[in-house]
Amino acid sequence: MTQSQATAEVFYTAFQALKKSERKAFINKLLEDEKLAEDLRYAAIIEKRTQEPTVSFDDWLKINERLEEMQKKLAVFKSVQAGIKEVKESRKSGRKLQKLSDFIN
């Protein structure tokens, strides 16, 4: 055990020996230091996020590109679906639709 690890162990043991109210007061005192409070928040976030799955940036770009392709396909499918619905509704109502060639021109 290094000197810094031994020192940390002594402080941790002393902290554990404190009453709950004393621990709270000590933690509040530590949090008065804005830089230390920020460091503690970052440490907590890092610790929490170590359990999260990670994706390399290149893989993320590929996934994102695939998502965009799928979104474009979905938009086309929805347009086709809306067109089919419009044709069905016009048939039911007897409304005459424009020919495709006329629509394109």
PDB file of N, CA and C in Angstrom:
ATOM      1  N   MET A   1       0.854  -1.172   0.000  1.00  0.00           N
ATOM      2  CA  MET A   1       0.000   0.000   0.000  1.00  0.00           C
ATOM      3  C   MET A   1       0.896   1.229   0.000  1.00  0.00           C
ATOM      4  N   THR A   2       0.569   2.176  -0.871  1.00  0.00           N
ATOM      5  CA  THR A   2       1.364   3.403  -0.953  1.00  0.00           C
ATOM      6  C   THR A   2       1.008   4.341   0.189  1.00  0.00           C
ATOM      7  N   GLN A   3       1.825   5.366   0.345  1.00  0.00           N
ATOM      8  CA  GLN A   3       1.591   6.356   1.399  1.00  0.00           C
ATOM      9  C   GLN A   3       0.241   7.042   1.188  1.00  0.00           C
ATOM     10  N   SER A   4      -0.079   7.423  -0.057  1.00  0.00           N
ATOM     11  CA  SER A   4      -1.351   8.110  -0.313  1.00  0.00           C
ATOM     12  C   SER A   4      -2.536   7.179  -0.078  1.00  0.00           C
ATOM     13  N   GLN A   5      -2.383   5.891  -0.400  1.00  0.00           N
ATOM     14  CA  GLN A   5      -3.460   4.933  -0.137  1.00  0.00           C
ATOM     15  C   GLN A   5      -3.665   4.754   1.362  1.00  0.00           C
ATOM     16  N   ALA A   6      -2.566   4.724   2.111  1.00  0.00           N
ATOM     17  CA  ALA A   6      -2.658   4.574   3.565  1.00  0.00           C
ATOM     18  C   ALA A   6      -3.335   5.799   4.182  1.00  0.00           C
ATOM     19  N   THR A   7      -2.987   6.987   3.704  1.00  0.00           N
ATOM     20  CA  THR A   7      -3.602   8.215   4.198  1.00  0.00           C
ATOM     21  C   THR A   7      -5.101   8.209   3.899  1.00  0.00           C
ATOM     22  N   ALA A   8      -5.443   7.814   2.684  1.00  0.00           N
ATOM     23  CA  ALA A   8      -6.855   7.737   2.303  1.00  0.00           C
ATOM     24  C   ALA A   8      -7.595   6.757   3.195  1.00  0.00           C
ATOM     25  N   GLU A   9      -6.973   5.646   3.516  1.00  0.00           N
ATOM     26  CA  GLU A   9      -7.588   4.631   4.372  1.00  0.00           C
ATOM     27  C   GLU A   9      -7.841   5.183   5.776  1.00  0.00           C
ATOM     28  N   VAL A  10      -6.903   5.959   6.289  1.00  0.00           N
ATOM     29  CA  VAL A  10      -7.062   6.562   7.624  1.00  0.00           C
ATOM     30  C   VAL A  10      -8.242   7.531   7.618  1.00  0.00           C
ATOM     31  N   PHE A  11      -8.299   8.397   6.599  1.00  0.00           N
ATOM     32  CA  PHE A  11      -9.399   9.357   6.516  1.00  0.00           C
ATOM     33  C   PHE A  11     -10.742   8.641   6.343  1.00  0.00           C
ATOM     34  N   TYR A  12     -10.766   7.610   5.539  1.00  0.00           N
ATOM     35  CA  TYR A  12     -12.007   6.869   5.320  1.00  0.00           C
ATOM     36  C   TYR A  12     -12.469   6.194   6.617  1.00  0.00           C
ATOM     37  N   THR A  13     -11.538   5.614   7.341  1.00  0.00           N
ATOM     38  CA  THR A  13     -11.871   4.964   8.618  1.00  0.00           C
ATOM     39  C   THR A  13     -12.421   5.985   9.601  1.00  0.00           C
ATOM     40  N   ALA A  14     -11.796   7.164   9.632  1.00  0.00           N
ATOM     41  CA  ALA A  14     -12.271   8.221  10.534  1.00  0.00           C
ATOM     42  C   ALA A  14     -13.673   8.681  10.112  1.00  0.00           C
ATOM     43  N   PHE A  15     -13.900   8.813   8.827  1.00  0.00           N
ATOM     44  CA  PHE A  15     -15.219   9.209   8.325  1.00  0.00           C
ATOM     45  C   PHE A  15     -16.282   8.184   8.710  1.00  0.00           C
ATOM     46  N   GLN A  16     -15.962   6.919   8.566  1.00  0.00           N
ATOM     47  CA  GLN A  16     -16.896   5.847   8.912  1.00  0.00           C
ATOM     48  C   GLN A  16     -17.238   5.859  10.394  1.00  0.00           C
ATOM     49  N   ALA A  17     -16.325   6.342  11.229  1.00  0.00           N
ATOM     50  CA  ALA A  17     -16.549   6.360  12.679  1.00  0.00           C
ATOM     51  C   ALA A  17     -17.461   7.514  13.107  1.00  0.00           C
ATOM     52  N   LEU A  18     -17.706   8.468  12.230  1.00  0.00           N
ATOM     53  CA  LEU A  18     -18.546   9.611  12.576  1.00  0.00           C
ATOM     54  C   LEU A  18     -20.013   9.210  12.682  1.00  0.00           C
ATOM     55  N   LYS A  19     -20.760   9.987  13.492  1.00  0.00           N
ATOM     56  CA  LYS A  19     -22.213   9.818  13.557  1.00  0.00           C
ATOM     57  C   LYS A  19     -22.797  10.315  12.228  1.00  0.00           C
ATOM     58  N   LYS A  20     -24.030   9.898  11.938  1.00  0.00           N
ATOM     59  CA  LYS A  20     -24.670  10.264  10.682  1.00  0.00           C
ATOM     60  C   LYS A  20     -24.729  11.783  10.512  1.00  0.00           C
ATOM     61  N   SER A  21     -25.080  12.502  11.570  1.00  0.00           N
ATOM     62  CA  SER A  21     -25.174  13.969  11.500  1.00  0.00           C
ATOM     63  C   SER A  21     -23.793  14.588  11.247  1.00  0.00           C
ATOM     64  N   GLU A  22     -22.764  13.995  11.835  1.00  0.00           N
ATOM     65  CA  GLU A  22     -21.400  14.502  11.632  1.00  0.00           C
ATOM     66  C   GLU A  22     -20.928  14.229  10.205  1.00  0.00           C
ATOM     67  N   ARG A  23     -21.289  13.055   9.678  1.00  0.00           N
ATOM     68  CA  ARG A  23     -20.943  12.749   8.280  1.00  0.00           C
ATOM     69  C   ARG A  23     -21.582  13.764   7.344  1.00  0.00           C
ATOM     70  N   LYS A  24     -22.869  14.049   7.596  1.00  0.00           N
ATOM     71  CA  LYS A  24     -23.590  15.000   6.751  1.00  0.00           C
ATOM     72  C   LYS A  24     -22.922  16.369   6.814  1.00  0.00           C
ATOM     73  N   ALA A  25     -22.556  16.804   8.003  1.00  0.00           N
ATOM     74  CA  ALA A  25     -21.891  18.102   8.166  1.00  0.00           C
ATOM     75  C   ALA A  25     -20.549  18.112   7.423  1.00  0.00           C
ATOM     76  N   PHE A  26     -19.810  17.022   7.510  1.00  0.00           N
ATOM     77  CA  PHE A  26     -18.520  16.927   6.827  1.00  0.00           C
ATOM     78  C   PHE A  26     -18.701  16.996   5.307  1.00  0.00           C
ATOM     79  N   ILE A  27     -19.668  16.252   4.809  1.00  0.00           N
ATOM     80  CA  ILE A  27     -19.923  16.258   3.359  1.00  0.00           C
ATOM     81  C   ILE A  27     -20.349  17.647   2.903  1.00  0.00           C
ATOM     82  N   ASN A  28     -21.211  18.294   3.681  1.00  0.00           N
ATOM     83  CA  ASN A  28     -21.628  19.665   3.343  1.00  0.00           C
ATOM     84  C   ASN A  28     -20.431  20.614   3.306  1.00  0.00           C
ATOM     85  N   LYS A  29     -19.512  20.413   4.232  1.00  0.00           N
ATOM     86  CA  LYS A  29     -18.298  21.245   4.264  1.00  0.00           C
ATOM     87  C   LYS A  29     -17.472  21.007   2.998  1.00  0.00           C
ATOM     88  N   LEU A  30     -17.337  19.753   2.590  1.00  0.00           N
ATOM     89  CA  LEU A  30     -16.603  19.449   1.356  1.00  0.00           C
ATOM     90  C   LEU A  30     -17.262  20.108   0.146  1.00  0.00           C
ATOM     91  N   LEU A  31     -18.587  20.096   0.118  1.00  0.00           N
ATOM     92  CA  LEU A  31     -19.320  20.625  -1.028  1.00  0.00           C
ATOM     93  C   LEU A  31     -19.303  22.148  -1.107  1.00  0.00           C
ATOM     94  N   GLU A  32     -18.853  22.803  -0.052  1.00  0.00           N
ATOM     95  CA  GLU A  32     -18.710  24.262  -0.097  1.00  0.00           C
ATOM     96  C   GLU A  32     -17.624  24.665  -1.090  1.00  0.00           C
ATOM     97  N   ASP A  33     -16.655  23.798  -1.303  1.00  0.00           N
ATOM     98  CA  ASP A  33     -15.592  24.034  -2.283  1.00  0.00           C
ATOM     99  C   ASP A  33     -16.168  23.674  -3.662  1.00  0.00           C
ATOM    100  N   GLU A  34     -16.447  24.695  -4.488  1.00  0.00           N
ATOM    101  CA  GLU A  34     -17.121  24.468  -5.766  1.00  0.00           C
ATOM    102  C   GLU A  34     -16.352  23.517  -6.679  1.00  0.00           C
ATOM    103  N   LYS A  35     -15.051  23.656  -6.723  1.00  0.00           N
ATOM    104  CA  LYS A  35     -14.236  22.797  -7.591  1.00  0.00           C
ATOM    105  C   LYS A  35     -14.297  21.341  -7.117  1.00  0.00           C
ATOM    106  N   LEU A  36     -14.184  21.144  -5.813  1.00  0.00           N
ATOM    107  CA  LEU A  36     -14.259  19.801  -5.254  1.00  0.00           C
ATOM    108  C   LEU A  36     -15.648  19.202  -5.491  1.00  0.00           C
ATOM    109  N   ALA A  37     -16.688  20.019  -5.301  1.00  0.00           N
ATOM    110  CA  ALA A  37     -18.063  19.544  -5.525  1.00  0.00           C
ATOM    111  C   ALA A  37     -18.234  19.106  -6.984  1.00  0.00           C
ATOM    112  N   GLU A  38     -17.677  19.892  -7.905  1.00  0.00           N
ATOM    113  CA  GLU A  38     -17.752  19.533  -9.329  1.00  0.00           C
ATOM    114  C   GLU A  38     -17.007  18.223  -9.594  1.00  0.00           C
ATOM    115  N   ASP A  39     -15.829  18.087  -9.014  1.00  0.00           N
ATOM    116  CA  ASP A  39     -15.049  16.856  -9.177  1.00  0.00           C
ATOM    117  C   ASP A  39     -15.813  15.641  -8.645  1.00  0.00           C
ATOM    118  N   LEU A  40     -16.474  15.807  -7.508  1.00  0.00           N
ATOM    119  CA  LEU A  40     -17.254  14.705  -6.921  1.00  0.00           C
ATOM    120  C   LEU A  40     -18.434  14.324  -7.823  1.00  0.00           C
ATOM    121  N   ARG A  41     -19.092  15.341  -8.388  1.00  0.00           N
ATOM    122  CA  ARG A  41     -20.201  15.053  -9.311  1.00  0.00           C
ATOM    123  C   ARG A  41     -19.700  14.284 -10.525  1.00  0.00           C
ATOM    124  N   TYR A  42     -18.576  14.738 -11.091  1.00  0.00           N
ATOM    125  CA  TYR A  42     -18.008  14.040 -12.249  1.00  0.00           C
ATOM    126  C   TYR A  42     -17.626  12.602 -11.886  1.00  0.00           C
ATOM    127  N   ALA A  43     -17.029  12.433 -10.725  1.00  0.00           N
ATOM    128  CA  ALA A  43     -16.629  11.087 -10.293  1.00  0.00           C
ATOM    129  C   ALA A  43     -17.852  10.187 -10.157  1.00  0.00           C
ATOM    130  N   ALA A  44     -18.937  10.725  -9.612  1.00  0.00           N
ATOM    131  CA  ALA A  44     -20.163   9.935  -9.461  1.00  0.00           C
ATOM    132  C   ALA A  44     -20.754   9.570 -10.824  1.00  0.00           C
ATOM    133  N   ILE A  45     -20.736  10.516 -11.749  1.00  0.00           N
ATOM    134  CA  ILE A  45     -21.259  10.257 -13.099  1.00  0.00           C
ATOM    135  C   ILE A  45     -20.414   9.202 -13.799  1.00  0.00           C
ATOM    136  N   ILE A  46     -19.100   9.339 -13.700  1.00  0.00           N
ATOM    137  CA  ILE A  46     -18.196   8.377 -14.340  1.00  0.00           C
ATOM    138  C   ILE A  46     -18.424   6.988 -13.767  1.00  0.00           C
ATOM    139  N   GLU A  47     -18.545   6.899 -12.461  1.00  0.00           N
ATOM    140  CA  GLU A  47     -18.761   5.599 -11.817  1.00  0.00           C
ATOM    141  C   GLU A  47     -20.072   4.978 -12.279  1.00  0.00           C
ATOM    142  N   LYS A  48     -21.109   5.794 -12.348  1.00  0.00           N
ATOM    143  CA  LYS A  48     -22.421   5.297 -12.776  1.00  0.00           C
ATOM    144  C   LYS A  48     -22.382   4.836 -14.231  1.00  0.00           C
ATOM    145  N   ARG A  49     -21.659   5.572 -15.073  1.00  0.00           N
ATOM    146  CA  ARG A  49     -21.668   5.285 -16.499  1.00  0.00           C
ATOM    147  C   ARG A  49     -20.724   4.156 -16.895  1.00  0.00           C
ATOM    148  N   THR A  50     -19.919   3.662 -15.971  1.00  0.00           N
ATOM    149  CA  THR A  50     -19.012   2.561 -16.321  1.00  0.00           C
ATOM    150  C   THR A  50     -19.786   1.294 -16.647  1.00  0.00           C
ATOM    151  N   GLN A  51     -21.035   1.218 -16.190  1.00  0.00           N
ATOM    152  CA  GLN A  51     -21.859   0.037 -16.446  1.00  0.00           C
ATOM    153  C   GLN A  51     -22.602   0.137 -17.780  1.00  0.00           C
ATOM    154  N   GLU A  52     -22.561   1.305 -18.421  1.00  0.00           N
ATOM    155  CA  GLU A  52     -23.285   1.499 -19.672  1.00  0.00           C
ATOM    156  C   GLU A  52     -22.514   0.886 -20.843  1.00  0.00           C
ATOM    157  N   PRO A  53     -23.241   0.361 -21.808  1.00  0.00           N
ATOM    158  CA  PRO A  53     -22.556  -0.158 -22.992  1.00  0.00           C
ATOM    159  C   PRO A  53     -21.974   1.010 -23.803  1.00  0.00           C
ATOM    160  N   THR A  54     -20.892   0.749 -24.484  1.00  0.00           N
ATOM    161  CA  THR A  54     -20.273   1.790 -25.299  1.00  0.00           C
ATOM    162  C   THR A  54     -20.248   1.367 -26.756  1.00  0.00           C
ATOM    163  N   VAL A  55     -20.212   2.359 -27.619  1.00  0.00           N
ATOM    164  CA  VAL A  55     -20.152   2.134 -29.058  1.00  0.00           C
ATOM    165  C   VAL A  55     -19.037   3.030 -29.593  1.00  0.00           C
ATOM    166  N   SER A  56     -18.206   2.484 -30.442  1.00  0.00           N
ATOM    167  CA  SER A  56     -17.138   3.309 -31.012  1.00  0.00           C
ATOM    168  C   SER A  56     -17.763   4.385 -31.890  1.00  0.00           C
ATOM    169  N   PHE A  57     -17.028   5.460 -32.105  1.00  0.00           N
ATOM    170  CA  PHE A  57     -17.546   6.566 -32.912  1.00  0.00           C
ATOM    171  C   PHE A  57     -17.849   6.101 -34.329  1.00  0.00           C
ATOM    172  N   ASP A  58     -16.967   5.280 -34.909  1.00  0.00           N
ATOM    173  CA  ASP A  58     -17.202   4.771 -36.264  1.00  0.00           C
ATOM    174  C   ASP A  58     -18.476   3.939 -36.325  1.00  0.00           C
ATOM    175  N   ASP A  59     -18.686   3.082 -35.320  1.00  0.00           N
ATOM    176  CA  ASP A  59     -19.915   2.280 -35.279  1.00  0.00           C
ATOM    177  C   ASP A  59     -21.133   3.172 -35.107  1.00  0.00           C
ATOM    178  N   TRP A  60     -20.998   4.213 -34.279  1.00  0.00           N
ATOM    179  CA  TRP A  60     -22.114   5.134 -34.076  1.00  0.00           C
ATOM    180  C   TRP A  60     -22.471   5.829 -35.383  1.00  0.00           C
ATOM    181  N   LEU A  61     -21.462   6.241 -36.144  1.00  0.00           N
ATOM    182  CA  LEU A  61     -21.725   6.888 -37.430  1.00  0.00           C
ATOM    183  C   LEU A  61     -22.454   5.935 -38.375  1.00  0.00           C
ATOM    184  N   LYS A  62     -22.028   4.671 -38.397  1.00  0.00           N
ATOM    185  CA  LYS A  62     -22.700   3.679 -39.252  1.00  0.00           C
ATOM    186  C   LYS A  62     -24.144   3.468 -38.808  1.00  0.00           C
ATOM    187  N   ILE A  63     -24.348   3.366 -37.511  1.00  0.00           N
ATOM    188  CA  ILE A  63     -25.703   3.182 -36.978  1.00  0.00           C
ATOM    189  C   ILE A  63     -26.577   4.386 -37.338  1.00  0.00           C
ATOM    190  N   ASN A  64     -26.019   5.573 -37.177  1.00  0.00           N
ATOM    191  CA  ASN A  64     -26.762   6.793 -37.467  1.00  0.00           C
ATOM    192  C   ASN A  64     -27.099   6.877 -38.963  1.00  0.00           C
ATOM    193  N   GLU A  65     -26.154   6.493 -39.818  1.00  0.00           N
ATOM    194  CA  GLU A  65     -26.387   6.487 -41.258  1.00  0.00           C
ATOM    195  C   GLU A  65     -27.504   5.502 -41.613  1.00  0.00           C
ATOM    196  N   ARG A  66     -27.461   4.336 -41.005  1.00  0.00           N
ATOM    197  CA  ARG A  66     -28.500   3.316 -41.237  1.00  0.00           C
ATOM    198  C   ARG A  66     -29.862   3.824 -40.765  1.00  0.00           C
ATOM    199  N   LEU A  67     -29.885   4.508 -39.643  1.00  0.00           N
ATOM    200  CA  LEU A  67     -31.126   5.080 -39.129  1.00  0.00           C
ATOM    201  C   LEU A  67     -31.705   6.079 -40.123  1.00  0.00           C
ATOM    202  N   GLU A  68     -30.865   6.938 -40.676  1.00  0.00           N
ATOM    203  CA  GLU A  68     -31.335   7.922 -41.656  1.00  0.00           C
ATOM    204  C   GLU A  68     -31.914   7.236 -42.888  1.00  0.00           C
ATOM    205  N   GLU A  69     -31.251   6.166 -43.351  1.00  0.00           N
ATOM    206  CA  GLU A  69     -31.765   5.418 -44.490  1.00  0.00           C
ATOM    207  C   GLU A  69     -33.135   4.826 -44.175  1.00  0.00           C
ATOM    208  N   MET A  70     -33.272   4.268 -42.999  1.00  0.00           N
ATOM    209  CA  MET A  70     -34.538   3.660 -42.608  1.00  0.00           C
ATOM    210  C   MET A  70     -35.639   4.708 -42.463  1.00  0.00           C
ATOM    211  N   GLN A  71     -35.283   5.886 -41.977  1.00  0.00           N
ATOM    212  CA  GLN A  71     -36.268   6.960 -41.849  1.00  0.00           C
ATOM    213  C   GLN A  71     -36.753   7.408 -43.226  1.00  0.00           C
ATOM    214  N   LYS A  72     -35.849   7.462 -44.206  1.00  0.00           N
ATOM    215  CA  LYS A  72     -36.240   7.823 -45.573  1.00  0.00           C
ATOM    216  C   LYS A  72     -37.174   6.772 -46.150  1.00  0.00           C
ATOM    217  N   LYS A  73     -36.861   5.496 -45.947  1.00  0.00           N
ATOM    218  CA  LYS A  73     -37.728   4.412 -46.432  1.00  0.00           C
ATOM    219  C   LYS A  73     -39.101   4.494 -45.776  1.00  0.00           C
ATOM    220  N   LEU A  74     -39.108   4.758 -44.490  1.00  0.00           N
ATOM    221  CA  LEU A  74     -40.373   4.867 -43.771  1.00  0.00           C
ATOM    222  C   LEU A  74     -41.221   6.001 -44.340  1.00  0.00           C
ATOM    223  N   ALA A  75     -40.587   7.115 -44.661  1.00  0.00           N
ATOM    224  CA  ALA A  75     -41.320   8.243 -45.240  1.00  0.00           C
ATOM    225  C   ALA A  75     -41.937   7.846 -46.583  1.00  0.00           C
ATOM    226  N   VAL A  76     -41.194   7.086 -47.396  1.00  0.00           N
ATOM    227  CA  VAL A  76     -41.724   6.623 -48.686  1.00  0.00           C
ATOM    228  C   VAL A  76     -42.900   5.686 -48.448  1.00  0.00           C
ATOM    229  N   PHE A  77     -42.749   4.740 -47.539  1.00  0.00           N
ATOM    230  CA  PHE A  77     -43.837   3.806 -47.243  1.00  0.00           C
ATOM    231  C   PHE A  77     -45.086   4.532 -46.760  1.00  0.00           C
ATOM    232  N   LYS A  78     -44.900   5.531 -45.909  1.00  0.00           N
ATOM    233  CA  LYS A  78     -46.050   6.294 -45.413  1.00  0.00           C
ATOM    234  C   LYS A  78     -46.730   7.051 -46.548  1.00  0.00           C
ATOM    235  N   SER A  79     -45.948   7.575 -47.485  1.00  0.00           N
ATOM    236  CA  SER A  79     -46.520   8.277 -48.634  1.00  0.00           C
ATOM    237  C   SER A  79     -47.322   7.321 -49.502  1.00  0.00           C
ATOM    238  N   VAL A  80     -46.767   6.137 -49.734  1.00  0.00           N
ATOM    239  CA  VAL A  80     -47.474   5.124 -50.523  1.00  0.00           C
ATOM    240  C   VAL A  80     -48.756   4.721 -49.811  1.00  0.00           C
ATOM    241  N   GLN A  81     -48.662   4.533 -48.523  1.00  0.00           N
ATOM    242  CA  GLN A  81     -49.834   4.159 -47.721  1.00  0.00           C
ATOM    243  C   GLN A  81     -50.917   5.235 -47.820  1.00  0.00           C
ATOM    244  N   ALA A  82     -50.514   6.493 -47.734  1.00  0.00           N
ATOM    245  CA  ALA A  82     -51.479   7.591 -47.842  1.00  0.00           C
ATOM    246  C   ALA A  82     -52.110   7.615 -49.232  1.00  0.00           C
ATOM    247  N   GLY A  83     -51.303   7.341 -50.264  1.00  0.00           N
ATOM    248  CA  GLY A  83     -51.829   7.297 -51.636  1.00  0.00           C
ATOM    249  C   GLY A  83     -52.843   6.183 -51.819  1.00  0.00           C
ATOM    250  N   ILE A  84     -52.546   5.020 -51.280  1.00  0.00           N
ATOM    251  CA  ILE A  84     -53.471   3.882 -51.370  1.00  0.00           C
ATOM    252  C   ILE A  84     -54.773   4.216 -50.645  1.00  0.00           C
ATOM    253  N   LYS A  85     -54.647   4.847 -49.490  1.00  0.00           N
ATOM    254  CA  LYS A  85     -55.837   5.228 -48.729  1.00  0.00           C
ATOM    255  C   LYS A  85     -56.689   6.212 -49.526  1.00  0.00           C
ATOM    256  N   GLU A  86     -56.026   7.163 -50.176  1.00  0.00           N
ATOM    257  CA  GLU A  86     -56.747   8.154 -50.982  1.00  0.00           C
ATOM    258  C   GLU A  86     -57.478   7.484 -52.144  1.00  0.00           C
ATOM    259  N   VAL A  87     -56.841   6.522 -52.795  1.00  0.00           N
ATOM    260  CA  VAL A  87     -57.466   5.804 -53.909  1.00  0.00           C
ATOM    261  C   VAL A  87     -58.684   5.027 -53.414  1.00  0.00           C
ATOM    262  N   LYS A  88     -58.533   4.336 -52.293  1.00  0.00           N
ATOM    263  CA  LYS A  88     -59.649   3.566 -51.737  1.00  0.00           C
ATOM    264  C   LYS A  88     -60.824   4.481 -51.392  1.00  0.00           C
ATOM    265  N   GLU A  89     -60.525   5.603 -50.756  1.00  0.00           N
ATOM    266  CA  GLU A  89     -61.587   6.540 -50.384  1.00  0.00           C
ATOM    267  C   GLU A  89     -62.277   7.121 -51.604  1.00  0.00           C
ATOM    268  N   SER A  90     -61.513   7.403 -52.667  1.00  0.00           N
ATOM    269  CA  SER A  90     -62.117   7.951 -53.886  1.00  0.00           C
ATOM    270  C   SER A  90     -63.003   6.913 -54.563  1.00  0.00           C
ATOM    271  N   ARG A  91     -62.603   5.651 -54.507  1.00  0.00           N
ATOM    272  CA  ARG A  91     -63.433   4.583 -55.084  1.00  0.00           C
ATOM    273  C   ARG A  91     -64.747   4.453 -54.321  1.00  0.00           C
ATOM    274  N   LYS A  92     -64.673   4.551 -53.002  1.00  0.00           N
ATOM    275  CA  LYS A  92     -65.885   4.437 -52.195  1.00  0.00           C
ATOM    276  C   LYS A  92     -66.843   5.590 -52.470  1.00  0.00           C
ATOM    277  N   SER A  93     -66.286   6.786 -52.609  1.00  0.00           N
ATOM    278  CA  SER A  93     -67.128   7.965 -52.810  1.00  0.00           C
ATOM    279  C   SER A  93     -67.502   8.177 -54.268  1.00  0.00           C
ATOM    280  N   GLY A  94     -66.871   7.433 -55.169  1.00  0.00           N
ATOM    281  CA  GLY A  94     -67.164   7.580 -56.589  1.00  0.00           C
ATOM    282  C   GLY A  94     -66.466   8.776 -57.215  1.00  0.00           C
ATOM    283  N   ARG A  95     -65.568   9.369 -56.522  1.00  0.00           N
ATOM    284  CA  ARG A  95     -64.828  10.519 -57.036  1.00  0.00           C
ATOM    285  C   ARG A  95     -63.802  10.047 -58.058  1.00  0.00           C
ATOM    286  N   LYS A  96     -63.683  10.773 -59.154  1.00  0.00           N
ATOM    287  CA  LYS A  96     -62.760  10.394 -60.209  1.00  0.00           C
ATOM    288  C   LYS A  96     -61.377  11.000 -59.910  1.00  0.00           C
ATOM    289  N   LEU A  97     -60.344  10.173 -60.058  1.00  0.00           N
ATOM    290  CA  LEU A  97     -58.968  10.631 -59.814  1.00  0.00           C
ATOM    291  C   LEU A  97     -58.280  10.996 -61.116  1.00  0.00           C
ATOM    292  N   GLN A  98     -57.273  11.811 -60.991  1.00  0.00           N
ATOM    293  CA  GLN A  98     -56.455  12.228 -62.117  1.00  0.00           C
ATOM    294  C   GLN A  98     -55.607  11.046 -62.574  1.00  0.00           C
ATOM    295  N   LYS A  99     -55.404  10.939 -63.891  1.00  0.00           N
ATOM    296  CA  LYS A  99     -54.528   9.884 -64.404  1.00  0.00           C
ATOM    297  C   LYS A  99     -53.099  10.192 -64.001  1.00  0.00           C
ATOM    298  N   LEU A 100     -52.285   9.126 -63.868  1.00  0.00           N
ATOM    299  CA  LEU A 100     -50.896   9.278 -63.447  1.00  0.00           C
ATOM    300  C   LEU A 100     -50.124  10.148 -64.437  1.00  0.00           C
ATOM    301  N   SER A 101     -50.350   9.936 -65.733  1.00  0.00           N
ATOM    302  CA  SER A 101     -49.629  10.718 -66.741  1.00  0.00           C
ATOM    303  C   SER A 101     -49.993  12.201 -66.629  1.00  0.00           C
ATOM    304  N   ASP A 102     -51.258  12.506 -66.358  1.00  0.00           N
ATOM    305  CA  ASP A 102     -51.671  13.888 -66.186  1.00  0.00           C
ATOM    306  C   ASP A 102     -51.056  14.486 -64.911  1.00  0.00           C
ATOM    307  N   PHE A 103     -51.015  13.651 -63.871  1.00  0.00           N
ATOM    308  CA  PHE A 103     -50.433  14.097 -62.601  1.00  0.00           C
ATOM    309  C   PHE A 103     -48.946  14.422 -62.774  1.00  0.00           C
ATOM    310  N   ILE A 104     -48.230  13.577 -63.516  1.00  0.00           N
ATOM    311  CA  ILE A 104     -46.793  13.786 -63.703  1.00  0.00           C
ATOM    312  C   ILE A 104     -46.525  15.018 -64.559  1.00  0.00           C
ATOM    313  N   ASN A 105     -47.346  15.214 -65.581  1.00  0.00           N
ATOM    314  CA  ASN A 105     -47.169  16.378 -66.466  1.00  0.00           C
ATOM    315  C   ASN A 105     -47.699  17.629 -65.782  1.00  0.00           C
TER     316      ASN A 105
END
